[in-house]
Amino acid sequence: MDMQQTKGNRAIVIWLYTGVAMIIVQVLLGGITRLTGSGLSITEWKPILGALPPMSEAAWQEAFAKYQEIGQSKYINSHFTLSDFKWIYFWEWLHRNWARLIGIVFFVPFIWFIIKRPLTAA
């Protein structure tokens, strides 16, 4: 095995271990999201634009108003203030963005490995 192949294999091993660690963190974030009841706090799925939280007070009020229309807000969290909503929103937002990051961490090196072909048949 030459030095170039060893470096390529090491990069793939690091990439895969990083992915495993990120998935473990994602499962933990999912548990926190579930335990805090945060899973329904983001009422609209915006795959690209949803990466940013509301950026103004008016945007927060709009997001909170949409949340107040769903059953979880009406029947379980009717006592929530905007501050309470921001807390659960944070956990759902973090959970979703961590998943986006996992996608990037998987996809970008995967394309790089395909282009560079660091692995050869044994």
PDB file of N, CA and C in Angstrom:
ATOM      1  N   MET A   1       0.858  -1.171   0.000  1.00  0.00           N
ATOM      2  CA  MET A   1       0.000   0.000   0.000  1.00  0.00           C
ATOM      3  C   MET A   1       0.906   1.236   0.000  1.00  0.00           C
ATOM      4  N   ASP A   2       0.702   2.121  -0.953  1.00  0.00           N
ATOM      5  CA  ASP A   2       1.551   3.301  -1.016  1.00  0.00           C
ATOM      6  C   ASP A   2       1.020   4.411  -0.109  1.00  0.00           C
ATOM      7  N   MET A   3       1.827   5.443   0.040  1.00  0.00           N
ATOM      8  CA  MET A   3       1.501   6.546   0.958  1.00  0.00           C
ATOM      9  C   MET A   3       0.226   7.277   0.547  1.00  0.00           C
ATOM     10  N   GLN A   4       0.021   7.468  -0.763  1.00  0.00           N
ATOM     11  CA  GLN A   4      -1.171   8.185  -1.245  1.00  0.00           C
ATOM     12  C   GLN A   4      -2.447   7.429  -0.870  1.00  0.00           C
ATOM     13  N   GLN A   5      -2.425   6.117  -1.031  1.00  0.00           N
ATOM     14  CA  GLN A   5      -3.601   5.311  -0.698  1.00  0.00           C
ATOM     15  C   GLN A   5      -3.874   5.349   0.805  1.00  0.00           C
ATOM     16  N   THR A   6      -2.831   5.334   1.623  1.00  0.00           N
ATOM     17  CA  THR A   6      -2.999   5.410   3.075  1.00  0.00           C
ATOM     18  C   THR A   6      -3.655   6.727   3.469  1.00  0.00           C
ATOM     19  N   LYS A   7      -3.205   7.837   2.861  1.00  0.00           N
ATOM     20  CA  LYS A   7      -3.814   9.145   3.150  1.00  0.00           C
ATOM     21  C   LYS A   7      -5.271   9.173   2.732  1.00  0.00           C
ATOM     22  N   GLY A   8      -5.578   8.581   1.571  1.00  0.00           N
ATOM     23  CA  GLY A   8      -6.958   8.534   1.095  1.00  0.00           C
ATOM     24  C   GLY A   8      -7.848   7.731   2.018  1.00  0.00           C
ATOM     25  N   ASN A   9      -7.328   6.596   2.483  1.00  0.00           N
ATOM     26  CA  ASN A   9      -8.095   5.768   3.406  1.00  0.00           C
ATOM     27  C   ASN A   9      -8.303   6.485   4.732  1.00  0.00           C
ATOM     28  N   ARG A  10      -7.277   7.170   5.217  1.00  0.00           N
ATOM     29  CA  ARG A  10      -7.394   7.902   6.475  1.00  0.00           C
ATOM     30  C   ARG A  10      -8.474   8.990   6.354  1.00  0.00           C
ATOM     31  N   ALA A  11      -8.497   9.681   5.235  1.00  0.00           N
ATOM     32  CA  ALA A  11      -9.502  10.728   5.024  1.00  0.00           C
ATOM     33  C   ALA A  11     -10.916  10.138   5.040  1.00  0.00           C
ATOM     34  N   ILE A  12     -11.077   8.986   4.425  1.00  0.00           N
ATOM     35  CA  ILE A  12     -12.397   8.347   4.404  1.00  0.00           C
ATOM     36  C   ILE A  12     -12.793   7.887   5.800  1.00  0.00           C
ATOM     37  N   VAL A  13     -11.856   7.330   6.542  1.00  0.00           N
ATOM     38  CA  VAL A  13     -12.146   6.894   7.910  1.00  0.00           C
ATOM     39  C   VAL A  13     -12.561   8.093   8.769  1.00  0.00           C
ATOM     40  N   ILE A  14     -11.830   9.196   8.676  1.00  0.00           N
ATOM     41  CA  ILE A  14     -12.175  10.405   9.438  1.00  0.00           C
ATOM     42  C   ILE A  14     -13.554  10.904   9.033  1.00  0.00           C
ATOM     43  N   TRP A  15     -13.826  10.922   7.740  1.00  0.00           N
ATOM     44  CA  TRP A  15     -15.126  11.361   7.224  1.00  0.00           C
ATOM     45  C   TRP A  15     -16.255  10.497   7.791  1.00  0.00           C
ATOM     46  N   LEU A  16     -16.074   9.185   7.775  1.00  0.00           N
ATOM     47  CA  LEU A  16     -17.125   8.291   8.266  1.00  0.00           C
ATOM     48  C   LEU A  16     -17.317   8.406   9.783  1.00  0.00           C
ATOM     49  N   TYR A  17     -16.226   8.503  10.526  1.00  0.00           N
ATOM     50  CA  TYR A  17     -16.346   8.672  11.974  1.00  0.00           C
ATOM     51  C   TYR A  17     -17.003  10.006  12.325  1.00  0.00           C
ATOM     52  N   THR A  18     -16.672  11.030  11.562  1.00  0.00           N
ATOM     53  CA  THR A  18     -17.321  12.330  11.773  1.00  0.00           C
ATOM     54  C   THR A  18     -18.821  12.206  11.542  1.00  0.00           C
ATOM     55  N   GLY A  19     -19.191  11.506  10.483  1.00  0.00           N
ATOM     56  CA  GLY A  19     -20.617  11.283  10.197  1.00  0.00           C
ATOM     57  C   GLY A  19     -21.317  10.532  11.318  1.00  0.00           C
ATOM     58  N   VAL A  20     -20.674   9.504  11.832  1.00  0.00           N
ATOM     59  CA  VAL A  20     -21.256   8.731  12.942  1.00  0.00           C
ATOM     60  C   VAL A  20     -21.441   9.623  14.169  1.00  0.00           C
ATOM     61  N   ALA A  21     -20.419  10.408  14.501  1.00  0.00           N
ATOM     62  CA  ALA A  21     -20.520  11.309  15.661  1.00  0.00           C
ATOM     63  C   ALA A  21     -21.644  12.328  15.465  1.00  0.00           C
ATOM     64  N   MET A  22     -21.763  12.840  14.259  1.00  0.00           N
ATOM     65  CA  MET A  22     -22.823  13.821  13.990  1.00  0.00           C
ATOM     66  C   MET A  22     -24.207  13.189  14.095  1.00  0.00           C
ATOM     67  N   ILE A  23     -24.331  11.957  13.662  1.00  0.00           N
ATOM     68  CA  ILE A  23     -25.623  11.264  13.775  1.00  0.00           C
ATOM     69  C   ILE A  23     -25.965  11.025  15.244  1.00  0.00           C
ATOM     70  N   ILE A  24     -24.978  10.685  16.058  1.00  0.00           N
ATOM     71  CA  ILE A  24     -25.222  10.511  17.500  1.00  0.00           C
ATOM     72  C   ILE A  24     -25.727  11.827  18.098  1.00  0.00           C
ATOM     73  N   VAL A  25     -25.081  12.935  17.744  1.00  0.00           N
ATOM     74  CA  VAL A  25     -25.537  14.247  18.226  1.00  0.00           C
ATOM     75  C   VAL A  25     -26.952  14.520  17.733  1.00  0.00           C
ATOM     76  N   GLN A  26     -27.253  14.148  16.484  1.00  0.00           N
ATOM     77  CA  GLN A  26     -28.598  14.370  15.939  1.00  0.00           C
ATOM     78  C   GLN A  26     -29.655  13.596  16.729  1.00  0.00           C
ATOM     79  N   VAL A  27     -29.335  12.382  17.104  1.00  0.00           N
ATOM     80  CA  VAL A  27     -30.270  11.586  17.911  1.00  0.00           C
ATOM     81  C   VAL A  27     -30.500  12.257  19.268  1.00  0.00           C
ATOM     82  N   LEU A  28     -29.424  12.751  19.872  1.00  0.00           N
ATOM     83  CA  LEU A  28     -29.559  13.467  21.151  1.00  0.00           C
ATOM     84  C   LEU A  28     -30.394  14.735  20.987  1.00  0.00           C
ATOM     85  N   LEU A  29     -30.140  15.490  19.922  1.00  0.00           N
ATOM     86  CA  LEU A  29     -30.949  16.689  19.662  1.00  0.00           C
ATOM     87  C   LEU A  29     -32.411  16.318  19.419  1.00  0.00           C
ATOM     88  N   GLY A  30     -32.620  15.206  18.749  1.00  0.00           N
ATOM     89  CA  GLY A  30     -33.990  14.732  18.531  1.00  0.00           C
ATOM     90  C   GLY A  30     -34.681  14.410  19.846  1.00  0.00           C
ATOM     91  N   GLY A  31     -33.937  13.814  20.778  1.00  0.00           N
ATOM     92  CA  GLY A  31     -34.498  13.520  22.094  1.00  0.00           C
ATOM     93  C   GLY A  31     -34.846  14.783  22.853  1.00  0.00           C
ATOM     94  N   ILE A  32     -33.957  15.766  22.809  1.00  0.00           N
ATOM     95  CA  ILE A  32     -34.238  17.049  23.469  1.00  0.00           C
ATOM     96  C   ILE A  32     -35.444  17.715  22.825  1.00  0.00           C
ATOM     97  N   THR A  33     -35.491  17.675  21.503  1.00  0.00           N
ATOM     98  CA  THR A  33     -36.620  18.267  20.774  1.00  0.00           C
ATOM     99  C   THR A  33     -37.925  17.600  21.195  1.00  0.00           C
ATOM    100  N   ARG A  34     -37.886  16.301  21.315  1.00  0.00           N
ATOM    101  CA  ARG A  34     -39.085  15.553  21.721  1.00  0.00           C
ATOM    102  C   ARG A  34     -39.472  15.870  23.167  1.00  0.00           C
ATOM    103  N   LEU A  35     -38.488  15.838  24.065  1.00  0.00           N
ATOM    104  CA  LEU A  35     -38.775  16.056  25.484  1.00  0.00           C
ATOM    105  C   LEU A  35     -39.252  17.481  25.784  1.00  0.00           C
ATOM    106  N   THR A  36     -38.796  18.446  25.004  1.00  0.00           N
ATOM    107  CA  THR A  36     -39.226  19.836  25.222  1.00  0.00           C
ATOM    108  C   THR A  36     -40.505  20.160  24.461  1.00  0.00           C
ATOM    109  N   GLY A  37     -41.025  19.213  23.683  1.00  0.00           N
ATOM    110  CA  GLY A  37     -42.229  19.468  22.904  1.00  0.00           C
ATOM    111  C   GLY A  37     -41.998  20.473  21.791  1.00  0.00           C
ATOM    112  N   SER A  38     -40.773  20.530  21.302  1.00  0.00           N
ATOM    113  CA  SER A  38     -40.407  21.545  20.318  1.00  0.00           C
ATOM    114  C   SER A  38     -40.682  21.136  18.882  1.00  0.00           C
ATOM    115  N   GLY A  39     -40.984  19.887  18.648  1.00  0.00           N
ATOM    116  CA  GLY A  39     -41.054  19.358  17.296  1.00  0.00           C
ATOM    117  C   GLY A  39     -42.031  19.989  16.357  1.00  0.00           C
ATOM    118  N   LEU A  40     -43.040  20.659  16.855  1.00  0.00           N
ATOM    119  CA  LEU A  40     -44.028  21.289  15.978  1.00  0.00           C
ATOM    120  C   LEU A  40     -43.923  22.806  15.973  1.00  0.00           C
ATOM    121  N   SER A  41     -42.875  23.345  16.566  1.00  0.00           N
ATOM    122  CA  SER A  41     -42.801  24.795  16.714  1.00  0.00           C
ATOM    123  C   SER A  41     -42.557  25.525  15.402  1.00  0.00           C
ATOM    124  N   ILE A  42     -41.891  24.891  14.457  1.00  0.00           N
ATOM    125  CA  ILE A  42     -41.697  25.500  13.141  1.00  0.00           C
ATOM    126  C   ILE A  42     -42.806  24.958  12.254  1.00  0.00           C
ATOM    127  N   THR A  43     -43.753  25.797  11.938  1.00  0.00           N
ATOM    128  CA  THR A  43     -44.975  25.336  11.278  1.00  0.00           C
ATOM    129  C   THR A  43     -44.860  25.237   9.768  1.00  0.00           C
ATOM    130  N   GLU A  44     -43.807  25.818   9.184  1.00  0.00           N
ATOM    131  CA  GLU A  44     -43.623  25.754   7.738  1.00  0.00           C
ATOM    132  C   GLU A  44     -42.269  25.133   7.425  1.00  0.00           C
ATOM    133  N   TRP A  45     -42.257  24.245   6.447  1.00  0.00           N
ATOM    134  CA  TRP A  45     -41.011  23.611   6.039  1.00  0.00           C
ATOM    135  C   TRP A  45     -40.444  24.387   4.860  1.00  0.00           C
ATOM    136  N   LYS A  46     -39.318  25.037   5.104  1.00  0.00           N
ATOM    137  CA  LYS A  46     -38.617  25.777   4.058  1.00  0.00           C
ATOM    138  C   LYS A  46     -37.198  25.206   3.990  1.00  0.00           C
ATOM    139  N   PRO A  47     -36.967  24.268   3.085  1.00  0.00           N
ATOM    140  CA  PRO A  47     -35.670  23.584   3.058  1.00  0.00           C
ATOM    141  C   PRO A  47     -34.453  24.513   2.940  1.00  0.00           C
ATOM    142  N   ILE A  48     -34.547  25.572   2.176  1.00  0.00           N
ATOM    143  CA  ILE A  48     -33.399  26.468   2.007  1.00  0.00           C
ATOM    144  C   ILE A  48     -33.525  27.678   2.928  1.00  0.00           C
ATOM    145  N   LEU A  49     -34.599  28.436   2.784  1.00  0.00           N
ATOM    146  CA  LEU A  49     -34.768  29.664   3.566  1.00  0.00           C
ATOM    147  C   LEU A  49     -35.009  29.398   5.045  1.00  0.00           C
ATOM    148  N   GLY A  50     -35.422  28.199   5.395  1.00  0.00           N
ATOM    149  CA  GLY A  50     -35.682  27.854   6.781  1.00  0.00           C
ATOM    150  C   GLY A  50     -34.433  27.672   7.616  1.00  0.00           C
ATOM    151  N   ALA A  51     -33.278  27.797   7.000  1.00  0.00           N
ATOM    152  CA  ALA A  51     -32.031  27.643   7.748  1.00  0.00           C
ATOM    153  C   ALA A  51     -31.807  28.804   8.703  1.00  0.00           C
ATOM    154  N   LEU A  52     -32.450  29.922   8.445  1.00  0.00           N
ATOM    155  CA  LEU A  52     -32.324  31.078   9.331  1.00  0.00           C
ATOM    156  C   LEU A  52     -33.566  31.206  10.205  1.00  0.00           C
ATOM    157  N   PRO A  53     -33.390  31.554  11.460  1.00  0.00           N
ATOM    158  CA  PRO A  53     -34.556  31.797  12.317  1.00  0.00           C
ATOM    159  C   PRO A  53     -35.178  33.139  11.946  1.00  0.00           C
ATOM    160  N   PRO A  54     -36.337  33.460  12.485  1.00  0.00           N
ATOM    161  CA  PRO A  54     -36.897  34.793  12.238  1.00  0.00           C
ATOM    162  C   PRO A  54     -35.868  35.862  12.625  1.00  0.00           C
ATOM    163  N   MET A  55     -35.728  36.863  11.781  1.00  0.00           N
ATOM    164  CA  MET A  55     -34.658  37.834  11.967  1.00  0.00           C
ATOM    165  C   MET A  55     -35.129  39.193  12.504  1.00  0.00           C
ATOM    166  N   SER A  56     -36.413  39.333  12.734  1.00  0.00           N
ATOM    167  CA  SER A  56     -36.927  40.594  13.284  1.00  0.00           C
ATOM    168  C   SER A  56     -38.035  40.276  14.275  1.00  0.00           C
ATOM    169  N   GLU A  57     -38.379  41.265  15.051  1.00  0.00           N
ATOM    170  CA  GLU A  57     -39.475  41.074  16.014  1.00  0.00           C
ATOM    171  C   GLU A  57     -40.783  40.758  15.290  1.00  0.00           C
ATOM    172  N   ALA A  58     -41.009  41.422  14.161  1.00  0.00           N
ATOM    173  CA  ALA A  58     -42.229  41.165  13.378  1.00  0.00           C
ATOM    174  C   ALA A  58     -42.244  39.730  12.851  1.00  0.00           C
ATOM    175  N   ALA A  59     -41.088  39.237  12.411  1.00  0.00           N
ATOM    176  CA  ALA A  59     -41.010  37.858  11.917  1.00  0.00           C
ATOM    177  C   ALA A  59     -41.249  36.860  13.049  1.00  0.00           C
ATOM    178  N   TRP A  60     -40.734  37.165  14.246  1.00  0.00           N
ATOM    179  CA  TRP A  60     -40.996  36.304  15.406  1.00  0.00           C
ATOM    180  C   TRP A  60     -42.486  36.292  15.734  1.00  0.00           C
ATOM    181  N   GLN A  61     -43.103  37.448  15.714  1.00  0.00           N
ATOM    182  CA  GLN A  61     -44.541  37.536  16.005  1.00  0.00           C
ATOM    183  C   GLN A  61     -45.347  36.733  14.979  1.00  0.00           C
ATOM    184  N   GLU A  62     -44.954  36.812  13.720  1.00  0.00           N
ATOM    185  CA  GLU A  62     -45.641  36.057  12.665  1.00  0.00           C
ATOM    186  C   GLU A  62     -45.485  34.550  12.872  1.00  0.00           C
ATOM    187  N   ALA A  63     -44.272  34.110  13.196  1.00  0.00           N
ATOM    188  CA  ALA A  63     -44.037  32.685  13.441  1.00  0.00           C
ATOM    189  C   ALA A  63     -44.834  32.209  14.656  1.00  0.00           C
ATOM    190  N   PHE A  64     -44.876  33.047  15.695  1.00  0.00           N
ATOM    191  CA  PHE A  64     -45.623  32.695  16.904  1.00  0.00           C
ATOM    192  C   PHE A  64     -47.118  32.623  16.610  1.00  0.00           C
ATOM    193  N   ALA A  65     -47.621  33.547  15.813  1.00  0.00           N
ATOM    194  CA  ALA A  65     -49.043  33.534  15.443  1.00  0.00           C
ATOM    195  C   ALA A  65     -49.394  32.259  14.679  1.00  0.00           C
ATOM    196  N   LYS A  66     -48.527  31.823  13.782  1.00  0.00           N
ATOM    197  CA  LYS A  66     -48.771  30.576  13.043  1.00  0.00           C
ATOM    198  C   LYS A  66     -48.747  29.379  13.991  1.00  0.00           C
ATOM    199  N   TYR A  67     -47.834  29.399  14.954  1.00  0.00           N
ATOM    200  CA  TYR A  67     -47.765  28.326  15.941  1.00  0.00           C
ATOM    201  C   TYR A  67     -49.044  28.289  16.778  1.00  0.00           C
ATOM    202  N   GLN A  68     -49.579  29.452  17.114  1.00  0.00           N
ATOM    203  CA  GLN A  68     -50.785  29.522  17.943  1.00  0.00           C
ATOM    204  C   GLN A  68     -52.014  28.965  17.244  1.00  0.00           C
ATOM    205  N   GLU A  69     -51.926  28.728  15.938  1.00  0.00           N
ATOM    206  CA  GLU A  69     -53.050  28.166  15.178  1.00  0.00           C
ATOM    207  C   GLU A  69     -53.097  26.645  15.222  1.00  0.00           C
ATOM    208  N   ILE A  70     -52.024  25.999  15.649  1.00  0.00           N
ATOM    209  CA  ILE A  70     -52.002  24.535  15.639  1.00  0.00           C
ATOM    210  C   ILE A  70     -52.464  23.974  16.982  1.00  0.00           C
ATOM    211  N   GLY A  71     -52.841  22.714  16.970  1.00  0.00           N
ATOM    212  CA  GLY A  71     -53.392  22.062  18.156  1.00  0.00           C
ATOM    213  C   GLY A  71     -52.458  22.035  19.352  1.00  0.00           C
ATOM    214  N   GLN A  72     -51.183  21.824  19.125  1.00  0.00           N
ATOM    215  CA  GLN A  72     -50.238  21.776  20.237  1.00  0.00           C
ATOM    216  C   GLN A  72     -50.278  23.078  21.028  1.00  0.00           C
ATOM    217  N   SER A  73     -50.355  24.177  20.327  1.00  0.00           N
ATOM    218  CA  SER A  73     -50.413  25.469  21.004  1.00  0.00           C
ATOM    219  C   SER A  73     -51.761  25.659  21.697  1.00  0.00           C
ATOM    220  N   LYS A  74     -52.824  25.317  21.009  1.00  0.00           N
ATOM    221  CA  LYS A  74     -54.171  25.530  21.555  1.00  0.00           C
ATOM    222  C   LYS A  74     -54.454  24.665  22.779  1.00  0.00           C
ATOM    223  N   TYR A  75     -54.029  23.400  22.751  1.00  0.00           N
ATOM    224  CA  TYR A  75     -54.432  22.459  23.794  1.00  0.00           C
ATOM    225  C   TYR A  75     -53.361  22.160  24.842  1.00  0.00           C
ATOM    226  N   ILE A  76     -52.104  22.372  24.497  1.00  0.00           N
ATOM    227  CA  ILE A  76     -51.033  22.036  25.438  1.00  0.00           C
ATOM    228  C   ILE A  76     -50.287  23.277  25.907  1.00  0.00           C
ATOM    229  N   ASN A  77     -49.962  24.150  24.976  1.00  0.00           N
ATOM    230  CA  ASN A  77     -49.123  25.304  25.290  1.00  0.00           C
ATOM    231  C   ASN A  77     -49.851  26.636  25.150  1.00  0.00           C
ATOM    232  N   SER A  78     -51.109  26.654  25.497  1.00  0.00           N
ATOM    233  CA  SER A  78     -51.891  27.894  25.346  1.00  0.00           C
ATOM    234  C   SER A  78     -51.371  29.013  26.257  1.00  0.00           C
ATOM    235  N   HIS A  79     -50.607  28.657  27.254  1.00  0.00           N
ATOM    236  CA  HIS A  79     -50.055  29.637  28.196  1.00  0.00           C
ATOM    237  C   HIS A  79     -48.742  30.251  27.702  1.00  0.00           C
ATOM    238  N   PHE A  80     -48.224  29.804  26.571  1.00  0.00           N
ATOM    239  CA  PHE A  80     -46.916  30.245  26.090  1.00  0.00           C
ATOM    240  C   PHE A  80     -46.878  31.730  25.755  1.00  0.00           C
ATOM    241  N   THR A  81     -45.761  32.332  26.125  1.00  0.00           N
ATOM    242  CA  THR A  81     -45.460  33.694  25.701  1.00  0.00           C
ATOM    243  C   THR A  81     -44.515  33.588  24.500  1.00  0.00           C
ATOM    244  N   LEU A  82     -44.199  34.716  23.899  1.00  0.00           N
ATOM    245  CA  LEU A  82     -43.248  34.714  22.795  1.00  0.00           C
ATOM    246  C   LEU A  82     -41.894  34.164  23.258  1.00  0.00           C
ATOM    247  N   SER A  83     -41.500  34.481  24.455  1.00  0.00           N
ATOM    248  CA  SER A  83     -40.232  33.984  25.004  1.00  0.00           C
ATOM    249  C   SER A  83     -40.246  32.455  25.119  1.00  0.00           C
ATOM    250  N   ASP A  84     -41.350  31.886  25.586  1.00  0.00           N
ATOM    251  CA  ASP A  84     -41.487  30.422  25.664  1.00  0.00           C
ATOM    252  C   ASP A  84     -41.388  29.807  24.265  1.00  0.00           C
ATOM    253  N   PHE A  85     -42.058  30.445  23.321  1.00  0.00           N
ATOM    254  CA  PHE A  85     -42.052  29.958  21.944  1.00  0.00           C
ATOM    255  C   PHE A  85     -40.629  29.983  21.371  1.00  0.00           C
ATOM    256  N   LYS A  86     -39.899  31.041  21.634  1.00  0.00           N
ATOM    257  CA  LYS A  86     -38.523  31.136  21.133  1.00  0.00           C
ATOM    258  C   LYS A  86     -37.669  29.993  21.669  1.00  0.00           C
ATOM    259  N   TRP A  87     -37.903  29.585  22.906  1.00  0.00           N
ATOM    260  CA  TRP A  87     -37.144  28.488  23.510  1.00  0.00           C
ATOM    261  C   TRP A  87     -37.384  27.180  22.767  1.00  0.00           C
ATOM    262  N   ILE A  88     -38.636  26.826  22.511  1.00  0.00           N
ATOM    263  CA  ILE A  88     -38.898  25.565  21.815  1.00  0.00           C
ATOM    264  C   ILE A  88     -38.516  25.680  20.339  1.00  0.00           C
ATOM    265  N   TYR A  89     -38.689  26.860  19.778  1.00  0.00           N
ATOM    266  CA  TYR A  89     -38.292  27.083  18.384  1.00  0.00           C
ATOM    267  C   TYR A  89     -36.803  26.815  18.223  1.00  0.00           C
ATOM    268  N   PHE A  90     -35.989  27.271  19.180  1.00  0.00           N
ATOM    269  CA  PHE A  90     -34.544  27.070  19.120  1.00  0.00           C
ATOM    270  C   PHE A  90     -34.194  25.596  18.967  1.00  0.00           C
ATOM    271  N   TRP A  91     -34.811  24.734  19.768  1.00  0.00           N
ATOM    272  CA  TRP A  91     -34.466  23.315  19.720  1.00  0.00           C
ATOM    273  C   TRP A  91     -34.855  22.686  18.388  1.00  0.00           C
ATOM    274  N   GLU A  92     -36.018  23.036  17.880  1.00  0.00           N
ATOM    275  CA  GLU A  92     -36.430  22.496  16.582  1.00  0.00           C
ATOM    276  C   GLU A  92     -35.531  23.042  15.473  1.00  0.00           C
ATOM    277  N   TRP A  93     -35.189  24.328  15.536  1.00  0.00           N
ATOM    278  CA  TRP A  93     -34.313  24.947  14.553  1.00  0.00           C
ATOM    279  C   TRP A  93     -32.929  24.291  14.577  1.00  0.00           C
ATOM    280  N   LEU A  94     -32.385  24.073  15.761  1.00  0.00           N
ATOM    281  CA  LEU A  94     -31.072  23.436  15.888  1.00  0.00           C
ATOM    282  C   LEU A  94     -31.097  22.016  15.338  1.00  0.00           C
ATOM    283  N   HIS A  95     -32.149  21.293  15.650  1.00  0.00           N
ATOM    284  CA  HIS A  95     -32.299  19.918  15.172  1.00  0.00           C
ATOM    285  C   HIS A  95     -32.314  19.885  13.644  1.00  0.00           C
ATOM    286  N   ARG A  96     -33.080  20.769  13.026  1.00  0.00           N
ATOM    287  CA  ARG A  96     -33.165  20.806  11.562  1.00  0.00           C
ATOM    288  C   ARG A  96     -31.855  21.252  10.932  1.00  0.00           C
ATOM    289  N   ASN A  97     -31.222  22.251  11.510  1.00  0.00           N
ATOM    290  CA  ASN A  97     -29.980  22.744  10.916  1.00  0.00           C
ATOM    291  C   ASN A  97     -28.827  21.778  11.104  1.00  0.00           C
ATOM    292  N   TRP A  98     -28.816  21.062  12.200  1.00  0.00           N
ATOM    293  CA  TRP A  98     -27.793  20.029  12.384  1.00  0.00           C
ATOM    294  C   TRP A  98     -27.956  18.955  11.301  1.00  0.00           C
ATOM    295  N   ALA A  99     -29.207  18.615  10.981  1.00  0.00           N
ATOM    296  CA  ALA A  99     -29.459  17.643   9.915  1.00  0.00           C
ATOM    297  C   ALA A  99     -28.968  18.184   8.569  1.00  0.00           C
ATOM    298  N   ARG A 100     -29.181  19.464   8.320  1.00  0.00           N
ATOM    299  CA  ARG A 100     -28.657  20.068   7.084  1.00  0.00           C
ATOM    300  C   ARG A 100     -27.131  19.961   7.049  1.00  0.00           C
ATOM    301  N   LEU A 101     -26.501  20.233   8.184  1.00  0.00           N
ATOM    302  CA  LEU A 101     -25.046  20.160   8.264  1.00  0.00           C
ATOM    303  C   LEU A 101     -24.554  18.733   8.019  1.00  0.00           C
ATOM    304  N   ILE A 102     -25.266  17.753   8.548  1.00  0.00           N
ATOM    305  CA  ILE A 102     -24.907  16.354   8.298  1.00  0.00           C
ATOM    306  C   ILE A 102     -24.955  16.078   6.795  1.00  0.00           C
ATOM    307  N   GLY A 103     -25.975  16.577   6.136  1.00  0.00           N
ATOM    308  CA  GLY A 103     -26.080  16.399   4.688  1.00  0.00           C
ATOM    309  C   GLY A 103     -24.892  16.982   3.953  1.00  0.00           C
ATOM    310  N   ILE A 104     -24.466  18.166   4.352  1.00  0.00           N
ATOM    311  CA  ILE A 104     -23.310  18.805   3.719  1.00  0.00           C
ATOM    312  C   ILE A 104     -22.034  18.028   4.016  1.00  0.00           C
ATOM    313  N   VAL A 105     -21.861  17.626   5.279  1.00  0.00           N
ATOM    314  CA  VAL A 105     -20.660  16.883   5.667  1.00  0.00           C
ATOM    315  C   VAL A 105     -20.599  15.528   4.955  1.00  0.00           C
ATOM    316  N   PHE A 106     -21.746  14.963   4.632  1.00  0.00           N
ATOM    317  CA  PHE A 106     -21.721  13.723   3.863  1.00  0.00           C
ATOM    318  C   PHE A 106     -21.500  13.999   2.384  1.00  0.00           C
ATOM    319  N   PHE A 107     -22.260  14.909   1.816  1.00  0.00           N
ATOM    320  CA  PHE A 107     -22.303  15.099   0.371  1.00  0.00           C
ATOM    321  C   PHE A 107     -21.013  15.683  -0.209  1.00  0.00           C
ATOM    322  N   VAL A 108     -20.475  16.727   0.387  1.00  0.00           N
ATOM    323  CA  VAL A 108     -19.296  17.397  -0.181  1.00  0.00           C
ATOM    324  C   VAL A 108     -18.083  16.456  -0.236  1.00  0.00           C
ATOM    325  N   PRO A 109     -17.707  15.794   0.874  1.00  0.00           N
ATOM    326  CA  PRO A 109     -16.578  14.858   0.765  1.00  0.00           C
ATOM    327  C   PRO A 109     -16.882  13.674  -0.162  1.00  0.00           C
ATOM    328  N   PHE A 110     -18.129  13.240  -0.188  1.00  0.00           N
ATOM    329  CA  PHE A 110     -18.497  12.136  -1.067  1.00  0.00           C
ATOM    330  C   PHE A 110     -18.198  12.488  -2.518  1.00  0.00           C
ATOM    331  N   ILE A 111     -18.586  13.675  -2.935  1.00  0.00           N
ATOM    332  CA  ILE A 111     -18.300  14.126  -4.299  1.00  0.00           C
ATOM    333  C   ILE A 111     -16.787  14.235  -4.503  1.00  0.00           C
ATOM    334  N   TRP A 112     -16.089  14.765  -3.495  1.00  0.00           N
ATOM    335  CA  TRP A 112     -14.632  14.896  -3.589  1.00  0.00           C
ATOM    336  C   TRP A 112     -13.978  13.524  -3.750  1.00  0.00           C
ATOM    337  N   PHE A 113     -14.431  12.550  -2.965  1.00  0.00           N
ATOM    338  CA  PHE A 113     -13.859  11.204  -3.056  1.00  0.00           C
ATOM    339  C   PHE A 113     -14.152  10.574  -4.419  1.00  0.00           C
ATOM    340  N   ILE A 114     -15.328  10.836  -4.960  1.00  0.00           N
ATOM    341  CA  ILE A 114     -15.640  10.299  -6.285  1.00  0.00           C
ATOM    342  C   ILE A 114     -14.720  10.916  -7.324  1.00  0.00           C
ATOM    343  N   ILE A 115     -14.516  12.211  -7.255  1.00  0.00           N
ATOM    344  CA  ILE A 115     -13.667  12.889  -8.239  1.00  0.00           C
ATOM    345  C   ILE A 115     -12.199  12.470  -8.093  1.00  0.00           C
ATOM    346  N   LYS A 116     -11.705  12.453  -6.874  1.00  0.00           N
ATOM    347  CA  LYS A 116     -10.288  12.133  -6.633  1.00  0.00           C
ATOM    348  C   LYS A 116      -9.991  10.646  -6.643  1.00  0.00           C
ATOM    349  N   ARG A 117     -10.993   9.825  -6.425  1.00  0.00           N
ATOM    350  CA  ARG A 117     -10.861   8.363  -6.386  1.00  0.00           C
ATOM    351  C   ARG A 117      -9.689   7.898  -5.514  1.00  0.00           C
ATOM    352  N   PRO A 118      -9.742   8.213  -4.217  1.00  0.00           N
ATOM    353  CA  PRO A 118      -8.607   7.821  -3.378  1.00  0.00           C
ATOM    354  C   PRO A 118      -8.541   6.320  -3.080  1.00  0.00           C
ATOM    355  N   LEU A 119      -9.609   5.611  -3.334  1.00  0.00           N
ATOM    356  CA  LEU A 119      -9.607   4.170  -3.079  1.00  0.00           C
ATOM    357  C   LEU A 119      -9.381   3.404  -4.385  1.00  0.00           C
ATOM    358  N   THR A 120      -8.639   2.370  -4.286  1.00  0.00           N
ATOM    359  CA  THR A 120      -8.443   1.489  -5.442  1.00  0.00           C
ATOM    360  C   THR A 120      -8.863   0.090  -5.028  1.00  0.00           C
ATOM    361  N   ALA A 121      -9.171  -0.701  -6.017  1.00  0.00           N
ATOM    362  CA  ALA A 121      -9.575  -2.086  -5.743  1.00  0.00           C
ATOM    363  C   ALA A 121      -8.402  -2.844  -5.127  1.00  0.00           C
ATOM    364  N   ALA A 122      -8.706  -3.674  -4.158  1.00  0.00           N
ATOM    365  CA  ALA A 122      -7.642  -4.422  -3.466  1.00  0.00           C
ATOM    366  C   ALA A 122      -7.179  -5.597  -4.296  1.00  0.00           C
TER     367      ALA A 122
END
